[in-house]
Amino acid sequence: MDIRDQLKNLFPDHQEKDFEMPQEKFVQKEPLSCKFEKKGRNGKPVTLIEGFEGNDEELKKISKKIKTTLGIGGSEKDGVIVIQGDNRDKIMKILQEMGYKTKRIGG
């Protein structure tokens, strides 16, 4: 007789439910910064999103959401998301809808 059977004998009216521990939600401490850059990219404009504190999987999810919503290319590497073109306002709006704080850097 295991512990569950013993508990059923002690508390016959108790209904057993499957209980799952709530997952801890990650909270970003500092806002994500969106800045525009052309240097070192053969004059092509890009938007850099820096300051993400989570893991690489979450970074890829954020990057994919931005790229598919805007229909543009980009990449993520070393905690920085690089999106083609100057789309800071649109990207900041998407990030805010996802629950992240943002700040605009430059012009």
C-alpha atoms as a PDB file:
ATOM      1  CA  MET A   1       0.000   0.000   0.000  1.00  0.00           C
ATOM      2  CA  ASP A   2       1.541   3.273  -1.093  1.00  0.00           C
ATOM      3  CA  ILE A   3       1.032   6.754   0.315  1.00  0.00           C
ATOM      4  CA  ARG A   4      -1.809   7.611  -2.100  1.00  0.00           C
ATOM      5  CA  ASP A   5      -3.844   4.624  -0.956  1.00  0.00           C
ATOM      6  CA  GLN A   6      -3.262   5.565   2.657  1.00  0.00           C
ATOM      7  CA  LEU A   7      -4.399   9.130   1.970  1.00  0.00           C
ATOM      8  CA  LYS A   8      -7.520   7.855   0.203  1.00  0.00           C
ATOM      9  CA  ASN A   9      -8.361   5.794   3.292  1.00  0.00           C
ATOM     10  CA  LEU A  10      -7.884   8.803   5.568  1.00  0.00           C
ATOM     11  CA  PHE A  11      -9.704  11.290   3.294  1.00  0.00           C
ATOM     12  CA  PRO A  12     -12.270   9.381   1.196  1.00  0.00           C
ATOM     13  CA  ASP A  13     -14.047  12.554  -0.043  1.00  0.00           C
ATOM     14  CA  HIS A  14     -10.870  14.150  -1.395  1.00  0.00           C
ATOM     15  CA  GLN A  15     -10.682  14.400  -5.198  1.00  0.00           C
ATOM     16  CA  GLU A  16      -7.182  13.952  -6.548  1.00  0.00           C
ATOM     17  CA  LYS A  17      -6.181  16.480  -9.183  1.00  0.00           C
ATOM     18  CA  ASP A  18      -3.145  16.637 -11.390  1.00  0.00           C
ATOM     19  CA  PHE A  19      -1.114  19.525 -10.092  1.00  0.00           C
ATOM     20  CA  GLU A  20       1.551  21.194 -12.175  1.00  0.00           C
ATOM     21  CA  MET A  21       4.027  23.600 -10.729  1.00  0.00           C
ATOM     22  CA  PRO A  22       3.671  27.021 -12.337  1.00  0.00           C
ATOM     23  CA  GLN A  23       6.651  27.911 -14.453  1.00  0.00           C
ATOM     24  CA  GLU A  24       8.586  30.928 -13.359  1.00  0.00           C
ATOM     25  CA  LYS A  25       8.134  33.735 -15.854  1.00  0.00           C
ATOM     26  CA  PHE A  26      11.279  35.523 -16.988  1.00  0.00           C
ATOM     27  CA  VAL A  27      11.293  39.252 -16.316  1.00  0.00           C
ATOM     28  CA  GLN A  28      13.542  41.590 -18.284  1.00  0.00           C
ATOM     29  CA  LYS A  29      15.241  44.010 -15.862  1.00  0.00           C
ATOM     30  CA  GLU A  30      16.562  46.602 -18.316  1.00  0.00           C
ATOM     31  CA  PRO A  31      14.721  47.855 -21.415  1.00  0.00           C
ATOM     32  CA  LEU A  32      15.742  46.571 -24.838  1.00  0.00           C
ATOM     33  CA  SER A  33      17.527  49.222 -26.871  1.00  0.00           C
ATOM     34  CA  CYS A  34      16.753  49.766 -30.559  1.00  0.00           C
ATOM     35  CA  LYS A  35      19.357  51.642 -32.525  1.00  0.00           C
ATOM     36  CA  PHE A  36      19.998  52.380 -36.185  1.00  0.00           C
ATOM     37  CA  GLU A  37      23.405  51.659 -37.691  1.00  0.00           C
ATOM     38  CA  LYS A  38      25.149  51.769 -41.073  1.00  0.00           C
ATOM     39  CA  LYS A  39      28.810  51.450 -40.068  1.00  0.00           C
ATOM     40  CA  GLY A  40      30.656  48.308 -41.132  1.00  0.00           C
ATOM     41  CA  ARG A  41      27.773  47.020 -43.249  1.00  0.00           C
ATOM     42  CA  ASN A  42      28.719  48.439 -46.651  1.00  0.00           C
ATOM     43  CA  GLY A  43      26.336  51.357 -46.151  1.00  0.00           C
ATOM     44  CA  LYS A  44      23.290  49.139 -45.653  1.00  0.00           C
ATOM     45  CA  PRO A  45      21.004  50.279 -42.832  1.00  0.00           C
ATOM     46  CA  VAL A  46      20.146  47.880 -40.019  1.00  0.00           C
ATOM     47  CA  THR A  47      18.300  48.078 -36.727  1.00  0.00           C
ATOM     48  CA  LEU A  48      20.060  46.533 -33.729  1.00  0.00           C
ATOM     49  CA  ILE A  49      18.125  45.277 -30.716  1.00  0.00           C
ATOM     50  CA  GLU A  50      20.429  44.899 -27.733  1.00  0.00           C
ATOM     51  CA  GLY A  51      20.169  44.221 -24.022  1.00  0.00           C
ATOM     52  CA  PHE A  52      18.184  40.966 -23.986  1.00  0.00           C
ATOM     53  CA  GLU A  53      18.861  39.052 -20.757  1.00  0.00           C
ATOM     54  CA  GLY A  54      17.138  35.723 -21.505  1.00  0.00           C
ATOM     55  CA  ASN A  55      18.338  32.552 -23.202  1.00  0.00           C
ATOM     56  CA  ASP A  56      19.047  32.006 -26.916  1.00  0.00           C
ATOM     57  CA  GLU A  57      15.731  30.239 -27.557  1.00  0.00           C
ATOM     58  CA  GLU A  58      13.737  33.255 -26.383  1.00  0.00           C
ATOM     59  CA  LEU A  59      15.978  35.550 -28.424  1.00  0.00           C
ATOM     60  CA  LYS A  60      15.241  33.479 -31.537  1.00  0.00           C
ATOM     61  CA  LYS A  61      11.497  33.580 -30.812  1.00  0.00           C
ATOM     62  CA  ILE A  62      11.571  37.370 -30.536  1.00  0.00           C
ATOM     63  CA  SER A  63      13.630  37.669 -33.712  1.00  0.00           C
ATOM     64  CA  LYS A  64      11.304  35.365 -35.648  1.00  0.00           C
ATOM     65  CA  LYS A  65       8.212  37.261 -34.466  1.00  0.00           C
ATOM     66  CA  ILE A  66       9.698  40.572 -35.648  1.00  0.00           C
ATOM     67  CA  LYS A  67      10.880  39.192 -38.983  1.00  0.00           C
ATOM     68  CA  THR A  68       7.603  37.443 -39.840  1.00  0.00           C
ATOM     69  CA  THR A  69       5.438  40.383 -38.732  1.00  0.00           C
ATOM     70  CA  LEU A  70       7.396  42.888 -40.796  1.00  0.00           C
ATOM     71  CA  GLY A  71       8.270  40.508 -43.646  1.00  0.00           C
ATOM     72  CA  ILE A  72      11.965  41.411 -43.608  1.00  0.00           C
ATOM     73  CA  GLY A  73      15.241  39.611 -43.036  1.00  0.00           C
ATOM     74  CA  GLY A  74      17.554  39.601 -40.092  1.00  0.00           C
ATOM     75  CA  SER A  75      19.585  37.466 -37.732  1.00  0.00           C
ATOM     76  CA  GLU A  76      20.451  36.985 -34.081  1.00  0.00           C
ATOM     77  CA  LYS A  77      23.916  36.486 -32.674  1.00  0.00           C
ATOM     78  CA  ASP A  78      25.632  37.011 -29.320  1.00  0.00           C
ATOM     79  CA  GLY A  79      22.487  38.419 -27.689  1.00  0.00           C
ATOM     80  CA  VAL A  80      21.895  41.000 -30.445  1.00  0.00           C
ATOM     81  CA  ILE A  81      19.100  40.905 -33.013  1.00  0.00           C
ATOM     82  CA  VAL A  82      19.973  42.489 -36.368  1.00  0.00           C
ATOM     83  CA  ILE A  83      17.005  43.484 -38.563  1.00  0.00           C
ATOM     84  CA  GLN A  84      17.404  44.864 -42.092  1.00  0.00           C
ATOM     85  CA  GLY A  85      16.428  48.499 -42.603  1.00  0.00           C
ATOM     86  CA  ASP A  86      15.485  51.321 -40.260  1.00  0.00           C
ATOM     87  CA  ASN A  87      12.345  49.931 -38.629  1.00  0.00           C
ATOM     88  CA  ARG A  88      12.844  51.109 -35.059  1.00  0.00           C
ATOM     89  CA  ASP A  89       9.320  52.423 -34.500  1.00  0.00           C
ATOM     90  CA  LYS A  90       7.630  49.285 -35.840  1.00  0.00           C
ATOM     91  CA  ILE A  91       9.999  46.993 -33.918  1.00  0.00           C
ATOM     92  CA  MET A  92       9.502  48.915 -30.692  1.00  0.00           C
ATOM     93  CA  LYS A  93       5.727  48.608 -31.093  1.00  0.00           C
ATOM     94  CA  ILE A  94       5.991  44.823 -31.623  1.00  0.00           C
ATOM     95  CA  LEU A  95       8.284  44.440 -28.593  1.00  0.00           C
ATOM     96  CA  GLN A  96       5.937  46.478 -26.411  1.00  0.00           C
ATOM     97  CA  GLU A  97       3.008  44.297 -27.492  1.00  0.00           C
ATOM     98  CA  MET A  98       5.090  41.276 -26.423  1.00  0.00           C
ATOM     99  CA  GLY A  99       5.523  42.875 -22.986  1.00  0.00           C
ATOM    100  CA  TYR A 100       9.090  44.192 -23.237  1.00  0.00           C
ATOM    101  CA  LYS A 101      10.199  47.676 -22.282  1.00  0.00           C
ATOM    102  CA  THR A 102      12.102  49.454 -25.031  1.00  0.00           C
ATOM    103  CA  LYS A 103      14.125  52.586 -25.515  1.00  0.00           C
ATOM    104  CA  ARG A 104      15.135  54.283 -28.738  1.00  0.00           C
ATOM    105  CA  ILE A 105      18.778  55.197 -29.224  1.00  0.00           C
ATOM    106  CA  GLY A 106      19.798  57.821 -31.750  1.00  0.00           C
ATOM    107  CA  GLY A 107      17.784  60.115 -34.051  1.00  0.00           C
END
